[in-house]
N, C-alpha and C. Protein backbone atom coordinates (compact mmCIF):
# COMPACT_ATOMS: atom_id res chain seq x y z
N MET A 1 109.48 -46.62 -52.50
CA MET A 1 108.18 -46.39 -52.64
C MET A 1 107.23 -47.24 -51.89
N ALA A 2 106.33 -47.11 -51.06
CA ALA A 2 105.93 -47.90 -50.37
C ALA A 2 104.64 -48.67 -51.09
N ARG A 3 104.58 -49.86 -50.51
CA ARG A 3 103.45 -50.62 -51.05
C ARG A 3 102.03 -50.74 -50.17
N VAL A 4 101.26 -50.43 -51.31
CA VAL A 4 99.55 -50.25 -50.22
C VAL A 4 98.84 -51.45 -51.25
N ILE A 5 98.51 -52.27 -50.16
CA ILE A 5 97.40 -53.59 -50.79
C ILE A 5 96.09 -52.98 -50.26
N LEU A 6 95.11 -52.79 -50.99
CA LEU A 6 93.74 -52.82 -50.64
C LEU A 6 93.11 -53.97 -50.68
N PHE A 7 92.58 -54.52 -49.75
CA PHE A 7 91.90 -56.11 -49.62
C PHE A 7 90.52 -55.89 -49.19
N ASN A 8 89.60 -56.88 -49.71
CA ASN A 8 88.17 -56.63 -49.49
C ASN A 8 88.07 -58.05 -48.29
N LYS A 9 88.25 -57.67 -47.24
CA LYS A 9 87.97 -59.03 -46.32
C LYS A 9 86.74 -59.82 -46.15
N PRO A 10 86.86 -60.74 -46.22
CA PRO A 10 85.58 -61.42 -46.25
C PRO A 10 85.26 -61.81 -44.94
N PHE A 11 83.88 -62.07 -44.48
CA PHE A 11 83.37 -62.24 -43.11
C PHE A 11 84.18 -63.86 -42.99
N GLY A 12 84.52 -63.67 -41.63
CA GLY A 12 85.41 -64.62 -40.75
C GLY A 12 86.62 -64.90 -40.98
N VAL A 13 86.93 -63.78 -41.45
CA VAL A 13 88.64 -63.95 -41.74
C VAL A 13 89.32 -62.98 -40.98
N LEU A 14 90.60 -63.46 -40.10
CA LEU A 14 91.19 -63.10 -39.57
C LEU A 14 91.76 -61.62 -39.79
N SER A 15 92.13 -60.42 -39.19
CA SER A 15 92.97 -59.20 -39.89
C SER A 15 94.52 -59.66 -39.36
N GLN A 16 94.83 -60.49 -39.68
CA GLN A 16 96.41 -61.05 -39.58
C GLN A 16 96.39 -62.28 -40.31
N PHE A 17 98.13 -62.76 -40.18
CA PHE A 17 98.57 -63.79 -41.14
C PHE A 17 98.82 -64.88 -40.66
N THR A 18 98.55 -65.08 -39.51
CA THR A 18 98.77 -66.55 -38.54
C THR A 18 97.48 -66.52 -37.79
N ASP A 19 97.41 -67.78 -37.00
CA ASP A 19 96.31 -67.67 -35.88
C ASP A 19 97.00 -69.13 -34.71
N ALA A 20 97.95 -68.45 -34.27
CA ALA A 20 98.68 -69.45 -33.65
C ALA A 20 98.08 -69.77 -31.85
N LYS A 21 97.06 -68.91 -31.85
CA LYS A 21 96.17 -68.86 -30.48
C LYS A 21 94.82 -70.04 -30.45
N SER A 22 94.33 -69.91 -31.61
CA SER A 22 93.25 -70.84 -32.00
C SER A 22 93.46 -72.25 -31.89
N PRO A 23 92.86 -73.35 -31.17
CA PRO A 23 93.15 -74.96 -31.24
C PRO A 23 92.48 -75.29 -32.59
N THR A 24 91.65 -74.64 -32.86
CA THR A 24 90.91 -74.99 -34.79
C THR A 24 91.60 -73.59 -35.38
N PRO A 25 91.93 -74.07 -36.38
CA PRO A 25 92.52 -73.00 -37.42
C PRO A 25 91.42 -72.42 -37.97
N ARG A 26 91.61 -71.15 -38.00
CA ARG A 26 90.79 -70.06 -38.72
C ARG A 26 90.98 -69.48 -39.77
N PRO A 27 90.11 -68.96 -40.72
CA PRO A 27 90.86 -68.18 -41.97
C PRO A 27 91.95 -66.93 -41.68
N THR A 28 92.80 -66.94 -42.41
CA THR A 28 93.71 -65.70 -42.33
C THR A 28 94.04 -64.64 -43.25
N LEU A 29 94.41 -63.75 -43.30
CA LEU A 29 94.75 -62.99 -44.19
C LEU A 29 95.68 -63.86 -45.56
N SER A 30 96.53 -64.92 -44.75
CA SER A 30 97.87 -65.75 -45.85
C SER A 30 97.08 -66.55 -46.85
N ALA A 31 95.84 -66.97 -46.61
CA ALA A 31 94.78 -67.55 -47.43
C ALA A 31 94.27 -66.87 -48.63
N PHE A 32 95.07 -65.44 -48.46
CA PHE A 32 94.39 -64.55 -49.41
C PHE A 32 95.73 -63.68 -50.10
N ILE A 33 96.63 -63.54 -49.50
CA ILE A 33 97.53 -62.70 -49.89
C ILE A 33 98.97 -63.43 -49.44
N ASP A 34 99.67 -63.44 -50.40
CA ASP A 34 101.19 -64.07 -50.62
C ASP A 34 101.92 -62.86 -51.12
N VAL A 35 102.22 -61.59 -50.07
CA VAL A 35 103.04 -60.51 -50.46
C VAL A 35 103.95 -60.38 -49.32
N PRO A 36 105.01 -60.59 -49.53
CA PRO A 36 105.88 -60.66 -48.33
C PRO A 36 106.11 -59.60 -47.70
N GLY A 37 106.37 -59.05 -46.76
CA GLY A 37 106.85 -57.92 -45.91
C GLY A 37 105.52 -56.58 -45.98
N VAL A 38 104.07 -57.03 -46.17
CA VAL A 38 103.27 -56.25 -45.79
C VAL A 38 102.63 -56.95 -44.89
N TYR A 39 102.10 -55.95 -43.87
CA TYR A 39 100.98 -55.81 -43.01
C TYR A 39 100.08 -55.01 -42.96
N PRO A 40 99.00 -55.19 -41.92
CA PRO A 40 97.47 -54.44 -41.92
C PRO A 40 97.87 -53.31 -40.97
N ALA A 41 97.16 -52.14 -42.08
CA ALA A 41 97.03 -51.07 -41.22
C ALA A 41 95.80 -50.80 -40.46
N GLY A 42 95.96 -51.31 -38.74
CA GLY A 42 94.52 -51.36 -38.12
C GLY A 42 94.05 -52.43 -38.46
N ARG A 43 93.13 -52.81 -37.94
CA ARG A 43 92.21 -54.03 -37.91
C ARG A 43 90.87 -54.30 -38.05
N LEU A 44 90.45 -55.44 -38.65
CA LEU A 44 88.96 -55.39 -38.93
C LEU A 44 88.75 -56.70 -38.32
N ASP A 45 87.39 -56.87 -37.14
CA ASP A 45 87.14 -57.54 -36.68
C ASP A 45 86.49 -58.82 -37.54
N ARG A 46 86.48 -59.85 -37.13
CA ARG A 46 86.31 -61.32 -37.53
C ARG A 46 85.01 -60.87 -38.37
N ASP A 47 84.54 -60.96 -37.55
CA ASP A 47 82.72 -60.70 -38.27
C ASP A 47 82.30 -59.69 -38.65
N SER A 48 83.15 -58.87 -39.46
CA SER A 48 83.21 -57.36 -39.95
C SER A 48 83.85 -57.68 -41.58
N GLU A 49 83.23 -57.41 -42.48
CA GLU A 49 84.16 -57.52 -43.58
C GLU A 49 84.45 -55.95 -44.49
N GLY A 50 85.22 -56.23 -45.41
CA GLY A 50 85.62 -54.87 -45.84
C GLY A 50 86.65 -54.60 -46.21
N LEU A 51 87.14 -53.11 -46.29
CA LEU A 51 88.38 -52.40 -46.82
C LEU A 51 89.48 -52.79 -45.39
N LEU A 52 90.77 -53.47 -46.05
CA LEU A 52 91.72 -53.42 -45.16
C LEU A 52 92.76 -53.26 -46.06
N VAL A 53 93.83 -51.94 -45.46
CA VAL A 53 94.83 -51.53 -46.19
C VAL A 53 95.97 -52.42 -45.59
N LEU A 54 97.14 -53.02 -46.42
CA LEU A 54 98.42 -53.29 -46.14
C LEU A 54 99.18 -52.54 -46.35
N THR A 55 100.40 -52.31 -45.82
CA THR A 55 101.43 -51.89 -46.58
C THR A 55 102.99 -52.03 -45.88
N ASP A 56 103.92 -51.95 -46.52
CA ASP A 56 105.33 -52.03 -46.07
C ASP A 56 106.10 -51.00 -45.73
N ASP A 57 105.12 -49.66 -45.14
CA ASP A 57 105.89 -48.81 -44.58
C ASP A 57 105.10 -48.74 -43.35
N GLY A 58 106.12 -48.56 -42.47
CA GLY A 58 105.87 -48.36 -40.78
C GLY A 58 105.07 -47.13 -40.75
N LYS A 59 105.81 -45.96 -41.27
CA LYS A 59 105.20 -44.65 -41.29
C LYS A 59 103.59 -44.59 -41.53
N LEU A 60 103.48 -44.83 -42.69
CA LEU A 60 101.79 -44.73 -43.51
C LEU A 60 101.15 -45.78 -42.27
N GLN A 61 101.87 -46.76 -42.05
CA GLN A 61 100.80 -47.98 -41.37
C GLN A 61 100.58 -47.10 -40.06
N ALA A 62 100.97 -46.47 -39.54
CA ALA A 62 100.77 -46.01 -38.27
C ALA A 62 100.23 -44.39 -38.34
N ARG A 63 100.20 -44.11 -39.52
CA ARG A 63 99.16 -42.93 -39.98
C ARG A 63 97.75 -43.16 -40.03
N ILE A 64 97.53 -44.65 -40.87
CA ILE A 64 96.51 -44.94 -40.86
C ILE A 64 95.87 -45.53 -39.86
N ALA A 65 96.29 -46.11 -38.65
CA ALA A 65 95.86 -47.04 -37.76
C ALA A 65 95.95 -45.89 -36.69
N ALA A 66 96.70 -44.93 -36.11
CA ALA A 66 96.74 -44.11 -35.15
C ALA A 66 95.39 -43.29 -35.02
N PRO A 67 95.07 -43.42 -34.09
CA PRO A 67 93.78 -42.63 -33.71
C PRO A 67 93.87 -41.34 -33.61
N LYS A 68 95.03 -40.86 -33.18
CA LYS A 68 95.34 -39.36 -32.89
C LYS A 68 95.26 -38.42 -34.52
N ASN A 69 95.30 -39.44 -35.90
CA ASN A 69 95.36 -39.23 -36.85
C ASN A 69 93.97 -38.62 -37.37
N LYS A 70 92.91 -39.32 -36.60
CA LYS A 70 91.63 -39.00 -37.12
C LYS A 70 91.41 -39.35 -38.65
N MET A 71 92.13 -40.09 -39.34
CA MET A 71 91.98 -40.80 -40.55
C MET A 71 90.30 -41.14 -40.79
N SER A 72 89.38 -40.71 -41.33
CA SER A 72 88.30 -41.05 -41.56
C SER A 72 87.80 -42.37 -42.09
N LYS A 73 87.09 -43.45 -41.72
CA LYS A 73 86.62 -44.58 -42.29
C LYS A 73 85.04 -44.69 -42.36
N THR A 74 84.97 -45.29 -43.40
CA THR A 74 83.25 -45.37 -43.34
C THR A 74 82.67 -46.49 -43.81
N TYR A 75 81.44 -46.65 -43.10
CA TYR A 75 81.34 -48.26 -43.03
C TYR A 75 79.72 -48.25 -43.55
N PHE A 76 79.07 -49.38 -44.05
CA PHE A 76 77.82 -49.45 -44.60
C PHE A 76 77.25 -50.96 -43.27
N VAL A 77 76.39 -50.13 -42.45
CA VAL A 77 75.96 -51.08 -41.06
C VAL A 77 74.56 -51.17 -41.53
N GLN A 78 74.20 -52.40 -41.52
CA GLN A 78 72.59 -52.86 -41.50
C GLN A 78 72.62 -53.12 -39.97
N VAL A 79 71.38 -52.29 -39.25
CA VAL A 79 71.14 -52.50 -38.16
C VAL A 79 69.76 -53.40 -37.90
N GLU A 80 69.60 -53.54 -37.31
CA GLU A 80 68.32 -54.24 -36.59
C GLU A 80 67.34 -53.58 -36.48
N GLY A 81 66.14 -53.14 -36.64
CA GLY A 81 65.02 -51.95 -36.62
C GLY A 81 64.77 -50.70 -37.18
N GLU A 82 64.66 -49.78 -36.86
CA GLU A 82 64.53 -48.47 -37.99
C GLU A 82 64.67 -47.10 -36.88
N PRO A 83 65.70 -46.97 -36.65
CA PRO A 83 66.41 -45.68 -35.95
C PRO A 83 65.79 -44.49 -36.41
N THR A 84 65.21 -43.49 -35.42
CA THR A 84 64.72 -42.30 -36.14
C THR A 84 65.91 -41.03 -36.52
N GLU A 85 65.46 -40.06 -36.77
CA GLU A 85 66.54 -38.95 -36.58
C GLU A 85 66.88 -38.84 -35.49
N LYS A 86 65.92 -38.97 -34.26
CA LYS A 86 66.23 -38.37 -33.09
C LYS A 86 67.43 -39.41 -32.72
N ASP A 87 67.10 -40.83 -33.04
CA ASP A 87 68.28 -41.58 -32.93
C ASP A 87 69.46 -41.57 -33.50
N LEU A 88 69.37 -40.94 -34.58
CA LEU A 88 70.78 -41.02 -35.13
C LEU A 88 71.76 -39.99 -34.65
N SER A 89 70.67 -38.44 -34.55
CA SER A 89 71.33 -37.56 -34.01
C SER A 89 72.11 -37.67 -32.36
N LEU A 90 71.92 -38.71 -31.78
CA LEU A 90 72.63 -39.25 -30.66
C LEU A 90 74.00 -39.38 -31.01
N LEU A 91 74.38 -40.37 -32.43
CA LEU A 91 75.72 -40.38 -32.47
C LEU A 91 76.61 -39.68 -33.41
N ARG A 92 75.54 -38.53 -34.06
CA ARG A 92 76.22 -37.35 -34.58
C ARG A 92 76.73 -36.43 -33.52
N ASP A 93 76.30 -36.41 -32.41
CA ASP A 93 76.88 -35.71 -31.22
C ASP A 93 77.80 -36.70 -30.35
N GLY A 94 78.03 -37.62 -31.12
CA GLY A 94 78.91 -38.71 -29.66
C GLY A 94 77.78 -39.24 -29.13
N VAL A 95 78.67 -40.65 -28.27
CA VAL A 95 77.79 -41.14 -27.36
C VAL A 95 78.90 -41.66 -26.11
N THR A 96 78.39 -41.56 -25.20
CA THR A 96 79.79 -42.11 -24.35
C THR A 96 79.24 -43.80 -23.83
N LEU A 97 80.46 -44.18 -24.34
CA LEU A 97 80.72 -45.99 -24.14
C LEU A 97 81.35 -46.01 -23.06
N LYS A 98 81.29 -47.20 -22.78
CA LYS A 98 82.43 -48.03 -21.16
C LYS A 98 83.81 -47.40 -21.43
N ASP A 99 84.34 -47.32 -22.67
CA ASP A 99 85.58 -46.89 -22.91
C ASP A 99 86.08 -45.29 -23.21
N GLY A 100 84.71 -44.21 -22.90
CA GLY A 100 84.54 -43.23 -22.68
C GLY A 100 84.03 -42.86 -24.18
N PRO A 101 83.60 -41.35 -24.37
CA PRO A 101 82.95 -40.42 -25.53
C PRO A 101 83.38 -40.58 -26.68
N THR A 102 82.58 -41.14 -27.67
CA THR A 102 82.89 -40.99 -28.98
C THR A 102 83.05 -39.70 -29.58
N ARG A 103 83.80 -39.49 -30.57
CA ARG A 103 83.76 -38.35 -31.41
C ARG A 103 82.67 -38.41 -32.04
N PRO A 104 82.01 -37.08 -32.73
CA PRO A 104 80.82 -37.13 -33.34
C PRO A 104 80.84 -37.95 -34.86
N ALA A 105 80.31 -38.65 -35.02
CA ALA A 105 79.87 -39.53 -36.21
C ALA A 105 79.17 -38.44 -37.30
N LYS A 106 79.48 -39.01 -38.74
CA LYS A 106 78.71 -38.39 -39.86
C LYS A 106 78.00 -39.72 -40.03
N LEU A 107 76.69 -39.42 -40.48
CA LEU A 107 75.76 -40.73 -40.61
C LEU A 107 74.64 -40.15 -41.48
N ARG A 108 74.33 -40.88 -42.14
CA ARG A 108 72.97 -41.04 -43.11
C ARG A 108 72.02 -42.66 -43.56
N LEU A 109 71.01 -42.29 -43.28
CA LEU A 109 70.47 -43.82 -43.94
C LEU A 109 70.51 -43.34 -44.86
N ILE A 110 70.40 -45.18 -45.33
CA ILE A 110 70.94 -45.49 -47.38
C ILE A 110 70.05 -46.46 -47.71
N ASP A 111 69.81 -46.89 -49.03
CA ASP A 111 69.02 -47.72 -49.45
C ASP A 111 70.07 -49.18 -49.11
N PRO A 112 69.84 -50.32 -49.24
CA PRO A 112 70.62 -51.33 -49.30
C PRO A 112 71.58 -51.09 -50.27
N PRO A 113 72.57 -51.23 -49.78
CA PRO A 113 74.02 -51.02 -50.83
C PRO A 113 74.30 -52.55 -51.75
N GLN A 114 74.51 -52.35 -52.99
CA GLN A 114 74.80 -53.35 -53.84
C GLN A 114 75.97 -54.12 -53.50
N LEU A 115 76.04 -55.00 -52.51
CA LEU A 115 77.55 -55.78 -52.00
C LEU A 115 77.17 -57.56 -52.15
N TRP A 116 78.10 -58.09 -52.22
CA TRP A 116 78.52 -59.29 -52.59
C TRP A 116 77.58 -60.25 -51.47
N ASP A 117 77.30 -61.39 -51.75
CA ASP A 117 76.60 -62.22 -50.62
C ASP A 117 77.35 -62.99 -49.35
N ARG A 118 76.88 -62.59 -48.23
CA ARG A 118 78.27 -63.20 -47.25
C ARG A 118 77.59 -64.31 -46.95
N ASP A 119 78.60 -65.08 -46.54
CA ASP A 119 78.58 -66.62 -46.20
C ASP A 119 79.22 -66.64 -44.75
N PRO A 120 78.40 -66.95 -44.02
CA PRO A 120 76.82 -67.32 -43.65
C PRO A 120 75.80 -65.98 -44.09
N PRO A 121 74.81 -66.05 -44.69
CA PRO A 121 74.18 -64.76 -44.85
C PRO A 121 73.65 -64.36 -43.28
N VAL A 122 73.23 -62.82 -43.32
CA VAL A 122 72.67 -62.57 -42.06
C VAL A 122 71.02 -62.76 -41.81
N ARG A 123 70.71 -63.12 -40.51
CA ARG A 123 69.66 -63.78 -40.13
C ARG A 123 68.57 -62.63 -40.53
N PHE A 124 67.65 -63.81 -40.99
CA PHE A 124 66.37 -62.63 -41.64
C PHE A 124 64.96 -62.49 -40.67
N ARG A 125 64.38 -61.77 -40.04
CA ARG A 125 63.20 -62.13 -39.51
C ARG A 125 62.13 -61.21 -40.25
N LYS A 126 61.45 -61.75 -40.52
CA LYS A 126 59.96 -60.87 -41.02
C LYS A 126 59.59 -60.02 -40.10
N SER A 127 59.52 -60.25 -38.87
CA SER A 127 58.78 -59.59 -37.58
C SER A 127 59.71 -58.35 -37.41
N VAL A 128 60.75 -58.28 -37.51
CA VAL A 128 61.86 -57.05 -37.25
C VAL A 128 62.56 -56.75 -38.55
N PRO A 129 62.07 -55.46 -38.93
CA PRO A 129 62.79 -54.53 -40.17
C PRO A 129 64.57 -54.39 -39.91
N ASP A 130 64.78 -54.21 -40.61
CA ASP A 130 66.02 -53.68 -40.61
C ASP A 130 66.83 -52.33 -41.50
N THR A 131 67.70 -51.75 -41.09
CA THR A 131 68.03 -50.31 -41.91
C THR A 131 69.24 -50.62 -42.25
N TRP A 132 69.85 -49.86 -43.07
CA TRP A 132 71.11 -49.48 -43.89
C TRP A 132 71.52 -47.88 -43.30
N ILE A 133 72.84 -48.40 -42.74
CA ILE A 133 73.37 -46.53 -42.48
C ILE A 133 74.76 -46.56 -42.91
N GLU A 134 74.84 -45.24 -43.43
CA GLU A 134 76.29 -44.93 -43.67
C GLU A 134 76.55 -44.31 -42.89
N ILE A 135 78.10 -44.86 -42.15
CA ILE A 135 78.65 -44.42 -40.77
C ILE A 135 79.83 -43.92 -41.25
N THR A 136 80.11 -42.78 -40.86
CA THR A 136 81.86 -42.20 -40.92
C THR A 136 82.42 -41.95 -39.85
N ILE A 137 83.65 -42.38 -38.97
CA ILE A 137 84.00 -41.96 -37.62
C ILE A 137 85.33 -41.61 -38.11
N SER A 138 85.98 -41.21 -37.20
CA SER A 138 87.58 -40.56 -37.54
C SER A 138 88.18 -41.14 -36.08
N GLU A 139 87.82 -42.28 -35.68
CA GLU A 139 88.46 -42.94 -34.54
C GLU A 139 88.48 -44.29 -34.94
N GLY A 140 89.25 -45.40 -34.25
CA GLY A 140 88.84 -46.95 -34.48
C GLY A 140 89.22 -47.55 -33.33
N ARG A 141 88.22 -47.50 -32.23
CA ARG A 141 88.24 -48.24 -30.72
C ARG A 141 87.90 -49.69 -31.61
N ASN A 142 87.82 -50.77 -30.50
CA ASN A 142 87.82 -51.94 -30.80
C ASN A 142 86.18 -51.87 -30.85
N ARG A 143 85.86 -52.93 -31.71
CA ARG A 143 84.17 -52.95 -32.07
C ARG A 143 83.23 -51.47 -32.06
N GLN A 144 84.13 -50.22 -32.24
CA GLN A 144 83.55 -49.02 -32.26
C GLN A 144 82.00 -48.80 -32.56
N VAL A 145 81.86 -49.35 -34.29
CA VAL A 145 80.61 -49.28 -34.64
C VAL A 145 79.67 -49.65 -33.81
N ARG A 146 79.83 -50.86 -33.74
CA ARG A 146 78.65 -52.06 -33.22
C ARG A 146 78.24 -51.63 -31.72
N ARG A 147 79.32 -51.01 -31.09
CA ARG A 147 79.02 -50.71 -29.99
C ARG A 147 78.30 -49.23 -29.77
N MET A 148 78.47 -48.48 -30.88
CA MET A 148 77.99 -47.29 -31.03
C MET A 148 76.16 -47.52 -31.26
N THR A 149 76.25 -48.50 -32.61
CA THR A 149 74.57 -48.73 -32.59
C THR A 149 73.90 -49.65 -31.51
N ALA A 150 74.35 -50.35 -31.02
CA ALA A 150 73.76 -51.36 -30.10
C ALA A 150 73.27 -50.15 -28.48
N HIS A 151 74.36 -48.91 -28.38
CA HIS A 151 74.30 -48.04 -27.41
C HIS A 151 72.96 -47.02 -27.40
N ILE A 152 72.40 -47.33 -28.89
CA ILE A 152 71.09 -46.51 -29.23
C ILE A 152 70.23 -47.35 -29.37
N GLY A 153 69.95 -48.70 -29.17
CA GLY A 153 69.44 -49.57 -29.41
C GLY A 153 68.93 -50.13 -30.43
N PHE A 154 69.84 -50.19 -31.26
CA PHE A 154 69.77 -50.71 -32.95
C PHE A 154 71.05 -51.88 -33.10
N PRO A 155 71.22 -53.04 -32.66
CA PRO A 155 72.11 -53.85 -32.75
C PRO A 155 72.38 -53.85 -34.21
N THR A 156 74.04 -53.98 -34.52
CA THR A 156 74.32 -54.56 -35.92
C THR A 156 74.31 -56.02 -36.49
N LEU A 157 73.60 -56.02 -37.28
CA LEU A 157 73.82 -57.48 -37.98
C LEU A 157 74.71 -57.23 -39.28
N ARG A 158 75.33 -56.66 -39.89
CA ARG A 158 76.08 -56.67 -40.82
C ARG A 158 77.17 -55.29 -41.00
N LEU A 159 78.43 -55.31 -40.77
CA LEU A 159 78.90 -53.99 -40.91
C LEU A 159 80.13 -54.78 -42.11
N VAL A 160 80.58 -53.40 -43.16
CA VAL A 160 80.91 -53.52 -44.54
C VAL A 160 81.83 -52.29 -44.15
N ARG A 161 83.44 -52.23 -43.80
CA ARG A 161 84.38 -50.77 -44.05
C ARG A 161 84.39 -50.38 -45.48
N TRP A 162 83.74 -49.42 -46.07
CA TRP A 162 83.84 -49.36 -47.43
C TRP A 162 85.15 -48.51 -47.99
N ARG A 163 85.46 -47.48 -46.85
CA ARG A 163 86.28 -46.24 -46.93
C ARG A 163 87.32 -45.99 -46.07
N ILE A 164 88.96 -45.91 -46.48
CA ILE A 164 89.98 -45.46 -45.61
C ILE A 164 90.49 -44.76 -45.88
N GLY A 165 90.47 -42.91 -45.22
CA GLY A 165 90.92 -41.79 -46.04
C GLY A 165 90.16 -42.07 -47.42
N ASN A 166 91.17 -41.77 -48.64
CA ASN A 166 90.64 -41.92 -50.23
C ASN A 166 90.64 -42.95 -50.80
N TRP A 167 90.98 -44.24 -49.97
CA TRP A 167 90.81 -45.60 -50.70
C TRP A 167 89.43 -46.20 -50.28
N THR A 168 89.31 -46.75 -51.40
CA THR A 168 87.79 -47.33 -51.09
C THR A 168 87.53 -48.96 -51.64
N LEU A 169 86.58 -49.46 -51.56
CA LEU A 169 86.59 -50.81 -52.07
C LEU A 169 85.72 -50.92 -53.73
N ASP A 170 85.61 -49.91 -54.12
CA ASP A 170 85.17 -49.85 -55.56
C ASP A 170 86.11 -50.77 -56.55
N GLY A 171 85.19 -51.55 -57.16
CA GLY A 171 86.08 -52.76 -57.81
C GLY A 171 86.89 -53.41 -57.17
N ILE A 172 86.83 -54.14 -55.94
CA ILE A 172 87.20 -55.06 -55.51
C ILE A 172 86.20 -55.99 -55.10
N GLU A 173 86.47 -57.41 -55.62
CA GLU A 173 85.35 -58.08 -54.97
C GLU A 173 85.88 -58.82 -53.47
N SER A 174 84.89 -59.32 -52.76
CA SER A 174 85.09 -59.85 -51.48
C SER A 174 86.24 -61.01 -51.75
N GLY A 175 88.01 -60.82 -50.89
CA GLY A 175 88.25 -62.04 -51.10
C GLY A 175 89.33 -61.67 -51.87
N THR A 176 89.47 -60.39 -52.54
CA THR A 176 90.27 -60.18 -53.49
C THR A 176 91.22 -59.07 -53.35
N TRP A 177 92.38 -58.71 -53.90
CA TRP A 177 93.19 -57.67 -53.47
C TRP A 177 93.58 -56.71 -54.52
N ILE A 178 94.12 -55.41 -54.77
CA ILE A 178 94.45 -54.70 -55.53
C ILE A 178 95.88 -54.28 -54.89
N GLU A 179 96.79 -53.67 -55.60
CA GLU A 179 98.02 -53.01 -55.23
C GLU A 179 97.78 -51.66 -56.14
N THR A 180 97.93 -50.44 -55.53
CA THR A 180 97.98 -49.26 -55.52
C THR A 180 99.21 -48.74 -56.08
């Protein structure tokens, strides 16, 4: 039976077990997970937080990570500014980024979610409001959600992946993991 680990990746941690490329060591998964033979199914940028699925099953890993499988991923996204429904409809229809058009996204405005504190905290500016959006996409290009929100004029301040398929972060604190 496949091992499946759900990890709540903190901000600043790489989605890999080693960091041989950097002259200055950066935090990796090995600082949090000491389980032999499991590997991340997909990636989560260093400056993003949230759900990372790890498994020892190569077929499951491919099913989760491969864009052709269209596994949905839901993110809580704090953006700078106050997007209107017209702005959001652009993402619902799909936008064209430098690497081509995105699939339509499902999204809605949400109240600020109850999350752990981030270290370092997100910058706060009294003169610029921020808004939280729940975005669900079925592809996973490099920095896609950040590029999508920037494309419509609302840069991402904080990005937390909450769900991949049926797996969620419910009950998993930042920097901890559970095995399903």
